[in-house]
Amino acid sequence: MPKGTYAKDATEAEGDLTAYCKASNFDREWLSVERRATTVRIACDQEYGYDEVYRTIDTDQVALLAETAKQARKSKLDADDDDLLSLVEHTEELSKTLVPNILQQCADAYLGGQRINLGFSKTMTRTEFGQLRKDWTVEGEYTTGDGMFTNFHSFPPQDKQKAGRVRWATRSRAEACRATCS
């Protein structure tokens, strides 16, 4: 349908929307009955019409694809060969450290579709930071290389403001640990 048009009735709207979905390889059966009825009503609305419905269908398609991708990432994480998330929570030497929280942040970022090479930073004393680096190294020893989490490493403290990597820092931060979720 040309821009700025609307359907004269529900039958026309249903046909046009089916054709639009077919052209964009989107199966309208993925939408609930209520959602489909709403798109037909909007297509018949003189104020909104097809322009709004097409935007809505495109948004629905992107949301469904994103959810499908998230479920695939979750399945992959659940099938982690090392089961590292559970392992660090139940390993006495790591369970009461920051390691489980950092690893969970990595997993959450991965599930959310964010970058998978995640860094963790927190203002802490040199002693706390040194202990965290040791704990992080221990955690890396629990991996086989076949699991979801790989490439465990940490960096020495860095004043990012002094290094020119932070413009509006109020205090220096130490970049602590990184892990890659593959």
N, C-alpha and C. Protein backbone atom coordinates (compact mmCIF):
# COMPACT_ATOMS: atom_id res chain seq x y z
N MET A 1 0.82 -1.19 0.00
CA MET A 1 0.00 0.00 0.00
C MET A 1 0.87 1.26 0.00
N PRO A 2 0.44 2.29 -0.69
CA PRO A 2 1.18 3.55 -0.69
C PRO A 2 1.16 4.19 0.70
N LYS A 3 2.17 5.01 0.96
CA LYS A 3 2.23 5.70 2.25
C LYS A 3 1.00 6.57 2.44
N GLY A 4 0.60 6.66 3.71
CA GLY A 4 -0.51 7.53 4.05
C GLY A 4 -1.88 6.95 3.74
N THR A 5 -1.96 5.67 3.44
CA THR A 5 -3.26 5.07 3.14
C THR A 5 -3.71 4.19 4.29
N TYR A 6 -4.96 3.82 4.21
CA TYR A 6 -5.53 2.94 5.23
C TYR A 6 -6.51 1.99 4.54
N ALA A 7 -6.85 0.91 5.23
CA ALA A 7 -7.76 -0.10 4.66
C ALA A 7 -9.20 0.37 4.80
N LYS A 8 -10.04 0.02 3.84
CA LYS A 8 -11.45 0.42 3.91
C LYS A 8 -12.24 -0.51 4.85
N ASP A 9 -11.72 -1.75 5.04
CA ASP A 9 -12.39 -2.67 5.97
C ASP A 9 -11.39 -3.72 6.46
N ALA A 10 -11.84 -4.54 7.39
CA ALA A 10 -10.97 -5.56 8.01
C ALA A 10 -10.49 -6.59 6.99
N THR A 11 -11.34 -6.94 6.03
CA THR A 11 -10.95 -7.94 5.03
C THR A 11 -9.79 -7.43 4.18
N GLU A 12 -9.90 -6.18 3.74
CA GLU A 12 -8.82 -5.58 2.96
C GLU A 12 -7.55 -5.49 3.80
N ALA A 13 -7.69 -5.05 5.03
CA ALA A 13 -6.53 -4.92 5.92
C ALA A 13 -5.84 -6.27 6.12
N GLU A 14 -6.64 -7.29 6.38
CA GLU A 14 -6.08 -8.63 6.61
C GLU A 14 -5.30 -9.10 5.37
N GLY A 15 -5.84 -8.90 4.21
CA GLY A 15 -5.16 -9.30 2.98
C GLY A 15 -3.86 -8.53 2.75
N ASP A 16 -3.94 -7.21 2.94
CA ASP A 16 -2.75 -6.38 2.73
C ASP A 16 -1.66 -6.68 3.76
N LEU A 17 -2.07 -6.88 5.00
CA LEU A 17 -1.09 -7.17 6.05
C LEU A 17 -0.46 -8.54 5.85
N THR A 18 -1.23 -9.49 5.39
CA THR A 18 -0.69 -10.82 5.09
C THR A 18 0.34 -10.71 3.97
N ALA A 19 0.04 -9.93 2.95
CA ALA A 19 0.97 -9.74 1.82
C ALA A 19 2.24 -9.04 2.30
N TYR A 20 2.10 -8.03 3.15
CA TYR A 20 3.26 -7.31 3.67
C TYR A 20 4.16 -8.24 4.49
N CYS A 21 3.53 -9.04 5.33
CA CYS A 21 4.30 -9.98 6.16
C CYS A 21 5.00 -11.01 5.29
N LYS A 22 4.31 -11.49 4.28
CA LYS A 22 4.91 -12.49 3.39
C LYS A 22 6.11 -11.89 2.68
N ALA A 23 5.99 -10.65 2.22
CA ALA A 23 7.08 -9.99 1.51
C ALA A 23 8.31 -9.78 2.40
N SER A 24 8.07 -9.64 3.71
CA SER A 24 9.20 -9.43 4.62
C SER A 24 9.57 -10.71 5.38
N ASN A 25 9.06 -11.86 4.89
CA ASN A 25 9.35 -13.16 5.52
C ASN A 25 8.99 -13.20 7.00
N PHE A 26 7.88 -12.61 7.35
CA PHE A 26 7.41 -12.58 8.73
C PHE A 26 6.09 -13.34 8.81
N ASP A 27 6.08 -14.39 9.58
CA ASP A 27 4.87 -15.20 9.74
C ASP A 27 3.98 -14.56 10.80
N ARG A 28 2.84 -14.04 10.38
CA ARG A 28 1.94 -13.36 11.33
C ARG A 28 1.38 -14.32 12.35
N GLU A 29 1.49 -15.60 12.13
CA GLU A 29 1.02 -16.58 13.11
C GLU A 29 1.81 -16.49 14.41
N TRP A 30 3.00 -15.86 14.36
CA TRP A 30 3.79 -15.69 15.57
C TRP A 30 3.14 -14.70 16.53
N LEU A 31 2.24 -13.86 16.00
CA LEU A 31 1.57 -12.86 16.82
C LEU A 31 0.32 -13.45 17.46
N SER A 32 -0.01 -12.96 18.63
CA SER A 32 -1.22 -13.43 19.31
C SER A 32 -2.45 -12.96 18.53
N VAL A 33 -3.57 -13.61 18.80
CA VAL A 33 -4.84 -13.25 18.14
C VAL A 33 -5.18 -11.79 18.44
N GLU A 34 -4.97 -11.38 19.68
CA GLU A 34 -5.26 -9.99 20.06
C GLU A 34 -4.37 -9.00 19.31
N ARG A 35 -3.10 -9.34 19.18
CA ARG A 35 -2.15 -8.46 18.49
C ARG A 35 -2.52 -8.34 17.00
N ARG A 36 -2.92 -9.45 16.41
CA ARG A 36 -3.33 -9.43 15.00
C ARG A 36 -4.57 -8.56 14.82
N ALA A 37 -5.54 -8.70 15.73
CA ALA A 37 -6.77 -7.90 15.64
C ALA A 37 -6.44 -6.41 15.78
N THR A 38 -5.50 -6.10 16.64
CA THR A 38 -5.10 -4.70 16.83
C THR A 38 -4.47 -4.14 15.56
N THR A 39 -3.62 -4.92 14.91
CA THR A 39 -3.00 -4.42 13.68
C THR A 39 -4.04 -4.18 12.59
N VAL A 40 -5.06 -5.02 12.53
CA VAL A 40 -6.13 -4.83 11.54
C VAL A 40 -6.89 -3.54 11.86
N ARG A 41 -7.21 -3.32 13.14
CA ARG A 41 -7.92 -2.08 13.52
C ARG A 41 -7.09 -0.84 13.19
N ILE A 42 -5.80 -0.91 13.45
CA ILE A 42 -4.93 0.24 13.16
C ILE A 42 -4.87 0.47 11.65
N ALA A 43 -4.79 -0.59 10.87
CA ALA A 43 -4.74 -0.45 9.41
C ALA A 43 -5.98 0.23 8.87
N CYS A 44 -7.11 0.05 9.55
CA CYS A 44 -8.37 0.66 9.12
C CYS A 44 -8.55 2.08 9.65
N ASP A 45 -7.70 2.51 10.54
CA ASP A 45 -7.80 3.83 11.15
C ASP A 45 -7.25 4.89 10.19
N GLN A 46 -8.07 5.92 9.90
CA GLN A 46 -7.66 6.95 8.95
C GLN A 46 -6.44 7.73 9.42
N GLU A 47 -6.30 7.90 10.73
CA GLU A 47 -5.18 8.69 11.26
C GLU A 47 -3.86 7.91 11.20
N TYR A 48 -3.89 6.62 11.47
CA TYR A 48 -2.65 5.83 11.55
C TYR A 48 -2.43 4.97 10.31
N GLY A 49 -3.40 4.17 9.95
CA GLY A 49 -3.36 3.38 8.73
C GLY A 49 -2.15 2.46 8.60
N TYR A 50 -1.80 2.20 7.34
CA TYR A 50 -0.75 1.23 7.04
C TYR A 50 0.63 1.66 7.52
N ASP A 51 0.93 2.95 7.47
CA ASP A 51 2.26 3.40 7.90
C ASP A 51 2.57 2.92 9.32
N GLU A 52 1.62 3.12 10.21
CA GLU A 52 1.82 2.73 11.61
C GLU A 52 1.86 1.22 11.76
N VAL A 53 0.99 0.52 11.06
CA VAL A 53 0.96 -0.94 11.15
C VAL A 53 2.26 -1.54 10.62
N TYR A 54 2.77 -1.02 9.52
CA TYR A 54 4.03 -1.55 8.98
C TYR A 54 5.17 -1.34 9.98
N ARG A 55 5.21 -0.16 10.60
CA ARG A 55 6.24 0.08 11.64
C ARG A 55 6.07 -0.91 12.79
N THR A 56 4.83 -1.15 13.19
CA THR A 56 4.55 -2.08 14.28
C THR A 56 4.97 -3.50 13.90
N ILE A 57 4.64 -3.92 12.71
CA ILE A 57 5.02 -5.27 12.26
C ILE A 57 6.54 -5.41 12.21
N ASP A 58 7.21 -4.39 11.69
CA ASP A 58 8.67 -4.42 11.64
C ASP A 58 9.27 -4.49 13.04
N THR A 59 8.70 -3.74 13.98
CA THR A 59 9.16 -3.77 15.37
C THR A 59 8.92 -5.14 15.98
N ASP A 60 7.75 -5.71 15.72
CA ASP A 60 7.44 -7.05 16.23
C ASP A 60 8.43 -8.08 15.69
N GLN A 61 8.75 -7.96 14.41
CA GLN A 61 9.68 -8.90 13.79
C GLN A 61 11.06 -8.79 14.44
N VAL A 62 11.53 -7.59 14.65
CA VAL A 62 12.84 -7.39 15.29
C VAL A 62 12.80 -7.95 16.73
N ALA A 63 11.72 -7.69 17.45
CA ALA A 63 11.61 -8.19 18.83
C ALA A 63 11.61 -9.72 18.87
N LEU A 64 10.90 -10.34 17.95
CA LEU A 64 10.88 -11.81 17.91
C LEU A 64 12.24 -12.38 17.56
N LEU A 65 12.92 -11.75 16.62
CA LEU A 65 14.27 -12.21 16.27
C LEU A 65 15.23 -12.03 17.43
N ALA A 66 15.12 -10.90 18.14
CA ALA A 66 15.98 -10.66 19.30
C ALA A 66 15.71 -11.68 20.40
N GLU A 67 14.44 -11.99 20.63
CA GLU A 67 14.09 -12.98 21.65
C GLU A 67 14.58 -14.37 21.27
N THR A 68 14.47 -14.70 19.99
CA THR A 68 14.97 -16.00 19.52
C THR A 68 16.48 -16.09 19.72
N ALA A 69 17.18 -15.02 19.39
CA ALA A 69 18.64 -15.00 19.58
C ALA A 69 18.99 -15.10 21.06
N LYS A 70 18.23 -14.41 21.90
CA LYS A 70 18.49 -14.47 23.35
C LYS A 70 18.27 -15.88 23.88
N GLN A 71 17.22 -16.54 23.42
CA GLN A 71 16.95 -17.91 23.86
C GLN A 71 18.07 -18.85 23.40
N ALA A 72 18.60 -18.62 22.21
CA ALA A 72 19.71 -19.44 21.73
C ALA A 72 20.95 -19.22 22.60
N ARG A 73 21.21 -17.96 22.97
CA ARG A 73 22.35 -17.69 23.86
C ARG A 73 22.14 -18.32 25.22
N LYS A 74 20.90 -18.27 25.73
CA LYS A 74 20.60 -18.88 27.03
C LYS A 74 20.80 -20.39 26.98
N SER A 75 20.36 -21.02 25.91
CA SER A 75 20.55 -22.47 25.76
C SER A 75 22.03 -22.81 25.74
N LYS A 76 22.79 -22.00 25.04
CA LYS A 76 24.24 -22.23 24.98
C LYS A 76 24.88 -22.06 26.35
N LEU A 77 24.46 -21.03 27.07
CA LEU A 77 25.00 -20.80 28.41
C LEU A 77 24.59 -21.92 29.36
N ASP A 78 23.34 -22.37 29.27
CA ASP A 78 22.86 -23.47 30.12
C ASP A 78 23.62 -24.77 29.86
N ALA A 79 24.11 -24.91 28.64
CA ALA A 79 24.83 -26.14 28.27
C ALA A 79 26.35 -25.98 28.42
N ASP A 80 26.78 -24.96 29.15
CA ASP A 80 28.21 -24.70 29.35
C ASP A 80 28.94 -25.96 29.84
N ASP A 81 29.91 -26.42 29.07
CA ASP A 81 30.67 -27.62 29.42
C ASP A 81 31.33 -27.51 30.80
N ASP A 82 31.80 -26.32 31.13
CA ASP A 82 32.48 -26.13 32.42
C ASP A 82 31.50 -25.87 33.56
N ASP A 83 30.26 -25.47 33.25
CA ASP A 83 29.27 -25.09 34.25
C ASP A 83 29.90 -24.13 35.27
N LEU A 84 30.62 -23.17 34.73
CA LEU A 84 31.43 -22.29 35.57
C LEU A 84 30.62 -21.42 36.52
N LEU A 85 29.46 -20.95 36.09
CA LEU A 85 28.63 -20.13 36.99
C LEU A 85 28.30 -20.89 38.27
N SER A 86 27.85 -22.09 38.13
CA SER A 86 27.51 -22.91 39.29
C SER A 86 28.76 -23.28 40.08
N LEU A 87 29.81 -23.61 39.37
CA LEU A 87 31.05 -24.03 40.02
C LEU A 87 31.61 -22.96 40.95
N VAL A 88 31.67 -21.70 40.48
CA VAL A 88 32.25 -20.66 41.33
C VAL A 88 31.35 -20.32 42.51
N GLU A 89 30.04 -20.48 42.34
CA GLU A 89 29.12 -20.22 43.46
C GLU A 89 29.27 -21.27 44.56
N HIS A 90 29.69 -22.48 44.18
CA HIS A 90 29.78 -23.57 45.14
C HIS A 90 31.21 -23.95 45.53
N THR A 91 32.18 -23.20 45.04
CA THR A 91 33.57 -23.44 45.40
C THR A 91 33.91 -22.52 46.57
N GLU A 92 34.28 -23.11 47.67
CA GLU A 92 34.49 -22.35 48.90
C GLU A 92 35.47 -21.19 48.71
N GLU A 93 36.56 -21.43 48.00
CA GLU A 93 37.57 -20.39 47.87
C GLU A 93 37.10 -19.22 46.99
N LEU A 94 36.04 -19.39 46.20
CA LEU A 94 35.57 -18.32 45.33
C LEU A 94 34.18 -17.80 45.67
N SER A 95 33.37 -18.58 46.34
CA SER A 95 31.97 -18.23 46.53
C SER A 95 31.75 -16.92 47.29
N LYS A 96 32.65 -16.54 48.15
CA LYS A 96 32.48 -15.33 48.95
C LYS A 96 33.33 -14.17 48.43
N THR A 97 33.79 -14.30 47.21
CA THR A 97 34.58 -13.24 46.59
C THR A 97 33.72 -12.49 45.58
N LEU A 98 34.31 -11.54 44.89
CA LEU A 98 33.60 -10.82 43.83
C LEU A 98 33.49 -11.65 42.55
N VAL A 99 34.23 -12.74 42.47
CA VAL A 99 34.29 -13.54 41.25
C VAL A 99 32.91 -13.99 40.75
N PRO A 100 32.04 -14.58 41.61
CA PRO A 100 30.73 -14.99 41.09
C PRO A 100 29.92 -13.82 40.53
N ASN A 101 30.02 -12.66 41.19
CA ASN A 101 29.29 -11.48 40.71
C ASN A 101 29.81 -11.02 39.36
N ILE A 102 31.12 -11.01 39.20
CA ILE A 102 31.71 -10.59 37.93
C ILE A 102 31.32 -11.56 36.82
N LEU A 103 31.42 -12.84 37.11
CA LEU A 103 31.08 -13.84 36.11
C LEU A 103 29.59 -13.75 35.75
N GLN A 104 28.73 -13.49 36.73
CA GLN A 104 27.31 -13.34 36.45
C GLN A 104 27.06 -12.11 35.57
N GLN A 105 27.81 -11.04 35.81
CA GLN A 105 27.69 -9.86 34.95
C GLN A 105 28.09 -10.19 33.52
N CYS A 106 29.13 -10.99 33.36
CA CYS A 106 29.53 -11.43 32.02
C CYS A 106 28.41 -12.23 31.37
N ALA A 107 27.83 -13.16 32.12
CA ALA A 107 26.74 -14.00 31.59
C ALA A 107 25.53 -13.14 31.23
N ASP A 108 25.18 -12.20 32.10
CA ASP A 108 24.03 -11.33 31.83
C ASP A 108 24.26 -10.48 30.59
N ALA A 109 25.48 -9.97 30.43
CA ALA A 109 25.79 -9.17 29.24
C ALA A 109 25.67 -10.04 27.98
N TYR A 110 26.17 -11.25 28.06
CA TYR A 110 26.08 -12.17 26.94
C TYR A 110 24.62 -12.46 26.60
N LEU A 111 23.81 -12.76 27.61
CA LEU A 111 22.38 -13.04 27.38
C LEU A 111 21.67 -11.84 26.77
N GLY A 112 22.05 -10.65 27.23
CA GLY A 112 21.43 -9.43 26.73
C GLY A 112 21.90 -9.01 25.36
N GLY A 113 22.84 -9.74 24.79
CA GLY A 113 23.33 -9.40 23.46
C GLY A 113 24.34 -8.28 23.46
N GLN A 114 24.90 -7.97 24.61
CA GLN A 114 25.92 -6.93 24.69
C GLN A 114 27.27 -7.50 24.31
N ARG A 115 28.25 -6.66 24.32
CA ARG A 115 29.59 -7.13 23.96
C ARG A 115 30.00 -8.25 24.89
N ILE A 116 30.72 -9.19 24.39
CA ILE A 116 31.02 -10.38 25.17
C ILE A 116 32.41 -10.34 25.79
N ASN A 117 33.20 -9.35 25.46
CA ASN A 117 34.48 -9.17 26.12
C ASN A 117 34.26 -8.10 27.17
N LEU A 118 33.84 -8.53 28.34
CA LEU A 118 33.36 -7.62 29.36
C LEU A 118 34.43 -7.35 30.40
N GLY A 119 34.58 -6.10 30.75
CA GLY A 119 35.50 -5.72 31.81
C GLY A 119 34.73 -5.33 33.06
N PHE A 120 35.38 -5.39 34.19
CA PHE A 120 34.78 -5.03 35.46
C PHE A 120 35.67 -4.00 36.10
N SER A 121 35.08 -2.95 36.62
CA SER A 121 35.90 -1.97 37.33
C SER A 121 35.17 -1.53 38.59
N LYS A 122 35.97 -1.23 39.58
CA LYS A 122 35.44 -0.80 40.86
C LYS A 122 36.55 -0.10 41.61
N THR A 123 36.22 0.95 42.33
CA THR A 123 37.21 1.61 43.15
C THR A 123 37.45 0.73 44.37
N MET A 124 38.73 0.41 44.61
CA MET A 124 39.08 -0.46 45.74
C MET A 124 40.52 -0.20 46.13
N THR A 125 40.89 -0.69 47.30
CA THR A 125 42.27 -0.53 47.76
C THR A 125 43.18 -1.44 46.94
N ARG A 126 44.48 -1.17 47.00
CA ARG A 126 45.44 -2.02 46.30
C ARG A 126 45.38 -3.45 46.82
N THR A 127 45.19 -3.61 48.12
CA THR A 127 45.12 -4.95 48.72
C THR A 127 43.89 -5.69 48.20
N GLU A 128 42.73 -5.02 48.19
CA GLU A 128 41.51 -5.64 47.68
C GLU A 128 41.66 -6.00 46.21
N PHE A 129 42.27 -5.09 45.48
CA PHE A 129 42.47 -5.33 44.06
C PHE A 129 43.42 -6.51 43.83
N GLY A 130 44.48 -6.56 44.58
CA GLY A 130 45.42 -7.67 44.47
C GLY A 130 44.75 -9.00 44.76
N GLN A 131 43.90 -9.02 45.79
CA GLN A 131 43.19 -10.26 46.12
C GLN A 131 42.21 -10.65 45.01
N LEU A 132 41.53 -9.67 44.46
CA LEU A 132 40.60 -9.95 43.36
C LEU A 132 41.35 -10.53 42.16
N ARG A 133 42.50 -9.98 41.85
CA ARG A 133 43.28 -10.52 40.73
C ARG A 133 43.69 -11.96 40.99
N LYS A 134 44.06 -12.27 42.23
CA LYS A 134 44.42 -13.65 42.59
C LYS A 134 43.20 -14.56 42.44
N ASP A 135 42.05 -14.11 42.95
CA ASP A 135 40.81 -14.90 42.85
C ASP A 135 40.44 -15.14 41.39
N TRP A 136 40.60 -14.11 40.58
CA TRP A 136 40.26 -14.21 39.17
C TRP A 136 41.16 -15.24 38.47
N THR A 137 42.41 -15.25 38.84
CA THR A 137 43.36 -16.23 38.29
C THR A 137 42.94 -17.64 38.69
N VAL A 138 42.53 -17.82 39.95
CA VAL A 138 42.07 -19.13 40.42
C VAL A 138 40.86 -19.56 39.61
N GLU A 139 39.93 -18.65 39.39
CA GLU A 139 38.73 -18.99 38.61
C GLU A 139 39.11 -19.48 37.22
N GLY A 140 40.04 -18.80 36.59
CA GLY A 140 40.47 -19.20 35.25
C GLY A 140 41.02 -20.61 35.23
N GLU A 141 41.56 -21.08 36.35
CA GLU A 141 42.10 -22.43 36.43
C GLU A 141 41.01 -23.50 36.43
N TYR A 142 39.77 -23.11 36.71
CA TYR A 142 38.65 -24.06 36.71
C TYR A 142 38.09 -24.31 35.31
N THR A 143 38.54 -23.55 34.34
CA THR A 143 38.01 -23.71 32.99
C THR A 143 38.82 -24.75 32.22
N THR A 144 38.16 -25.39 31.29
CA THR A 144 38.82 -26.40 30.46
C THR A 144 39.21 -25.84 29.10
N GLY A 145 38.67 -24.69 28.76
CA GLY A 145 38.89 -24.13 27.44
C GLY A 145 37.77 -24.51 26.47
N ASP A 146 36.92 -25.46 26.89
CA ASP A 146 35.80 -25.88 26.04
C ASP A 146 34.48 -25.26 26.48
N GLY A 147 34.50 -24.52 27.58
CA GLY A 147 33.28 -23.94 28.12
C GLY A 147 32.96 -22.59 27.50
N MET A 148 31.92 -21.96 28.03
CA MET A 148 31.47 -20.66 27.54
C MET A 148 32.44 -19.53 27.88
N PHE A 149 33.07 -19.61 29.02
CA PHE A 149 33.93 -18.53 29.49
C PHE A 149 35.38 -18.89 29.26
N THR A 150 36.08 -18.01 28.61
CA THR A 150 37.48 -18.25 28.28
C THR A 150 38.27 -16.96 28.47
N ASN A 151 39.56 -17.04 28.28
CA ASN A 151 40.40 -15.85 28.20
C ASN A 151 40.35 -15.01 29.48
N PHE A 152 40.52 -15.64 30.61
CA PHE A 152 40.52 -14.92 31.88
C PHE A 152 41.85 -14.20 32.07
N HIS A 153 41.78 -12.92 32.30
CA HIS A 153 42.99 -12.17 32.61
C HIS A 153 42.62 -10.92 33.37
N SER A 154 43.60 -10.33 34.01
CA SER A 154 43.39 -9.08 34.73
C SER A 154 44.56 -8.16 34.43
N PHE A 155 44.36 -6.90 34.69
CA PHE A 155 45.37 -5.89 34.40
C PHE A 155 45.75 -5.17 35.68
N PRO A 156 46.95 -4.64 35.73
CA PRO A 156 47.33 -3.85 36.90
C PRO A 156 46.47 -2.59 36.99
N PRO A 157 46.41 -1.99 38.17
CA PRO A 157 45.61 -0.76 38.33
C PRO A 157 46.06 0.32 37.36
N GLN A 158 45.09 1.11 36.95
CA GLN A 158 45.39 2.20 36.03
C GLN A 158 44.51 3.39 36.39
N ASP A 159 45.11 4.55 36.46
CA ASP A 159 44.36 5.78 36.66
C ASP A 159 43.91 6.24 35.28
N LYS A 160 42.69 5.91 34.93
CA LYS A 160 42.19 6.19 33.58
C LYS A 160 42.10 7.68 33.29
N GLN A 161 41.83 8.47 34.31
CA GLN A 161 41.78 9.91 34.11
C GLN A 161 43.16 10.43 33.74
N LYS A 162 44.15 9.98 34.47
CA LYS A 162 45.52 10.40 34.21
C LYS A 162 45.99 9.93 32.83
N ALA A 163 45.54 8.75 32.43
CA ALA A 163 45.92 8.20 31.13
C ALA A 163 45.12 8.83 29.98
N GLY A 164 44.15 9.69 30.32
CA GLY A 164 43.36 10.36 29.30
C GLY A 164 42.25 9.50 28.71
N ARG A 165 41.87 8.43 29.41
CA ARG A 165 40.83 7.53 28.90
C ARG A 165 39.46 7.85 29.49
N VAL A 166 39.41 8.76 30.45
CA VAL A 166 38.14 9.17 31.05
C VAL A 166 38.16 10.69 31.12
N ARG A 167 37.12 11.31 30.58
CA ARG A 167 37.10 12.77 30.58
C ARG A 167 36.62 13.36 31.89
N TRP A 168 35.55 12.85 32.42
CA TRP A 168 34.93 13.48 33.58
C TRP A 168 34.99 12.58 34.81
N ALA A 169 36.10 11.97 35.04
CA ALA A 169 36.22 11.07 36.19
C ALA A 169 36.38 11.90 37.46
N THR A 170 35.71 11.48 38.52
CA THR A 170 35.86 12.15 39.80
C THR A 170 36.92 11.49 40.65
N ARG A 171 37.23 10.23 40.35
CA ARG A 171 38.30 9.51 41.03
C ARG A 171 38.84 8.46 40.08
N SER A 172 40.01 8.02 40.36
CA SER A 172 40.58 7.00 39.47
C SER A 172 39.92 5.66 39.73
N ARG A 173 39.83 4.86 38.71
CA ARG A 173 39.23 3.53 38.81
C ARG A 173 40.24 2.52 38.32
N ALA A 174 40.21 1.38 38.91
CA ALA A 174 41.08 0.29 38.49
C ALA A 174 40.30 -0.70 37.66
N GLU A 175 40.79 -0.98 36.49
CA GLU A 175 40.15 -2.02 35.67
C GLU A 175 40.63 -3.35 36.21
N ALA A 176 39.70 -4.17 36.59
CA ALA A 176 40.07 -5.38 37.33
C ALA A 176 40.19 -6.60 36.47
N CYS A 177 39.13 -7.07 35.93
CA CYS A 177 39.13 -8.41 35.35
C CYS A 177 38.34 -8.44 34.06
N ARG A 178 38.74 -9.34 33.20
CA ARG A 178 38.05 -9.54 31.94
C ARG A 178 37.87 -11.03 31.71
N ALA A 179 36.79 -11.36 31.05
CA ALA A 179 36.58 -12.72 30.58
C ALA A 179 35.81 -12.62 29.26
N THR A 180 36.06 -13.54 28.39
CA THR A 180 35.35 -13.57 27.12
C THR A 180 34.34 -14.70 27.16
N CYS A 181 33.13 -14.39 26.77
CA CYS A 181 32.07 -15.40 26.70
C CYS A 181 31.89 -15.69 25.23
N SER A 182 32.21 -16.90 24.82
CA SER A 182 32.20 -17.19 23.39
C SER A 182 31.02 -18.04 22.98
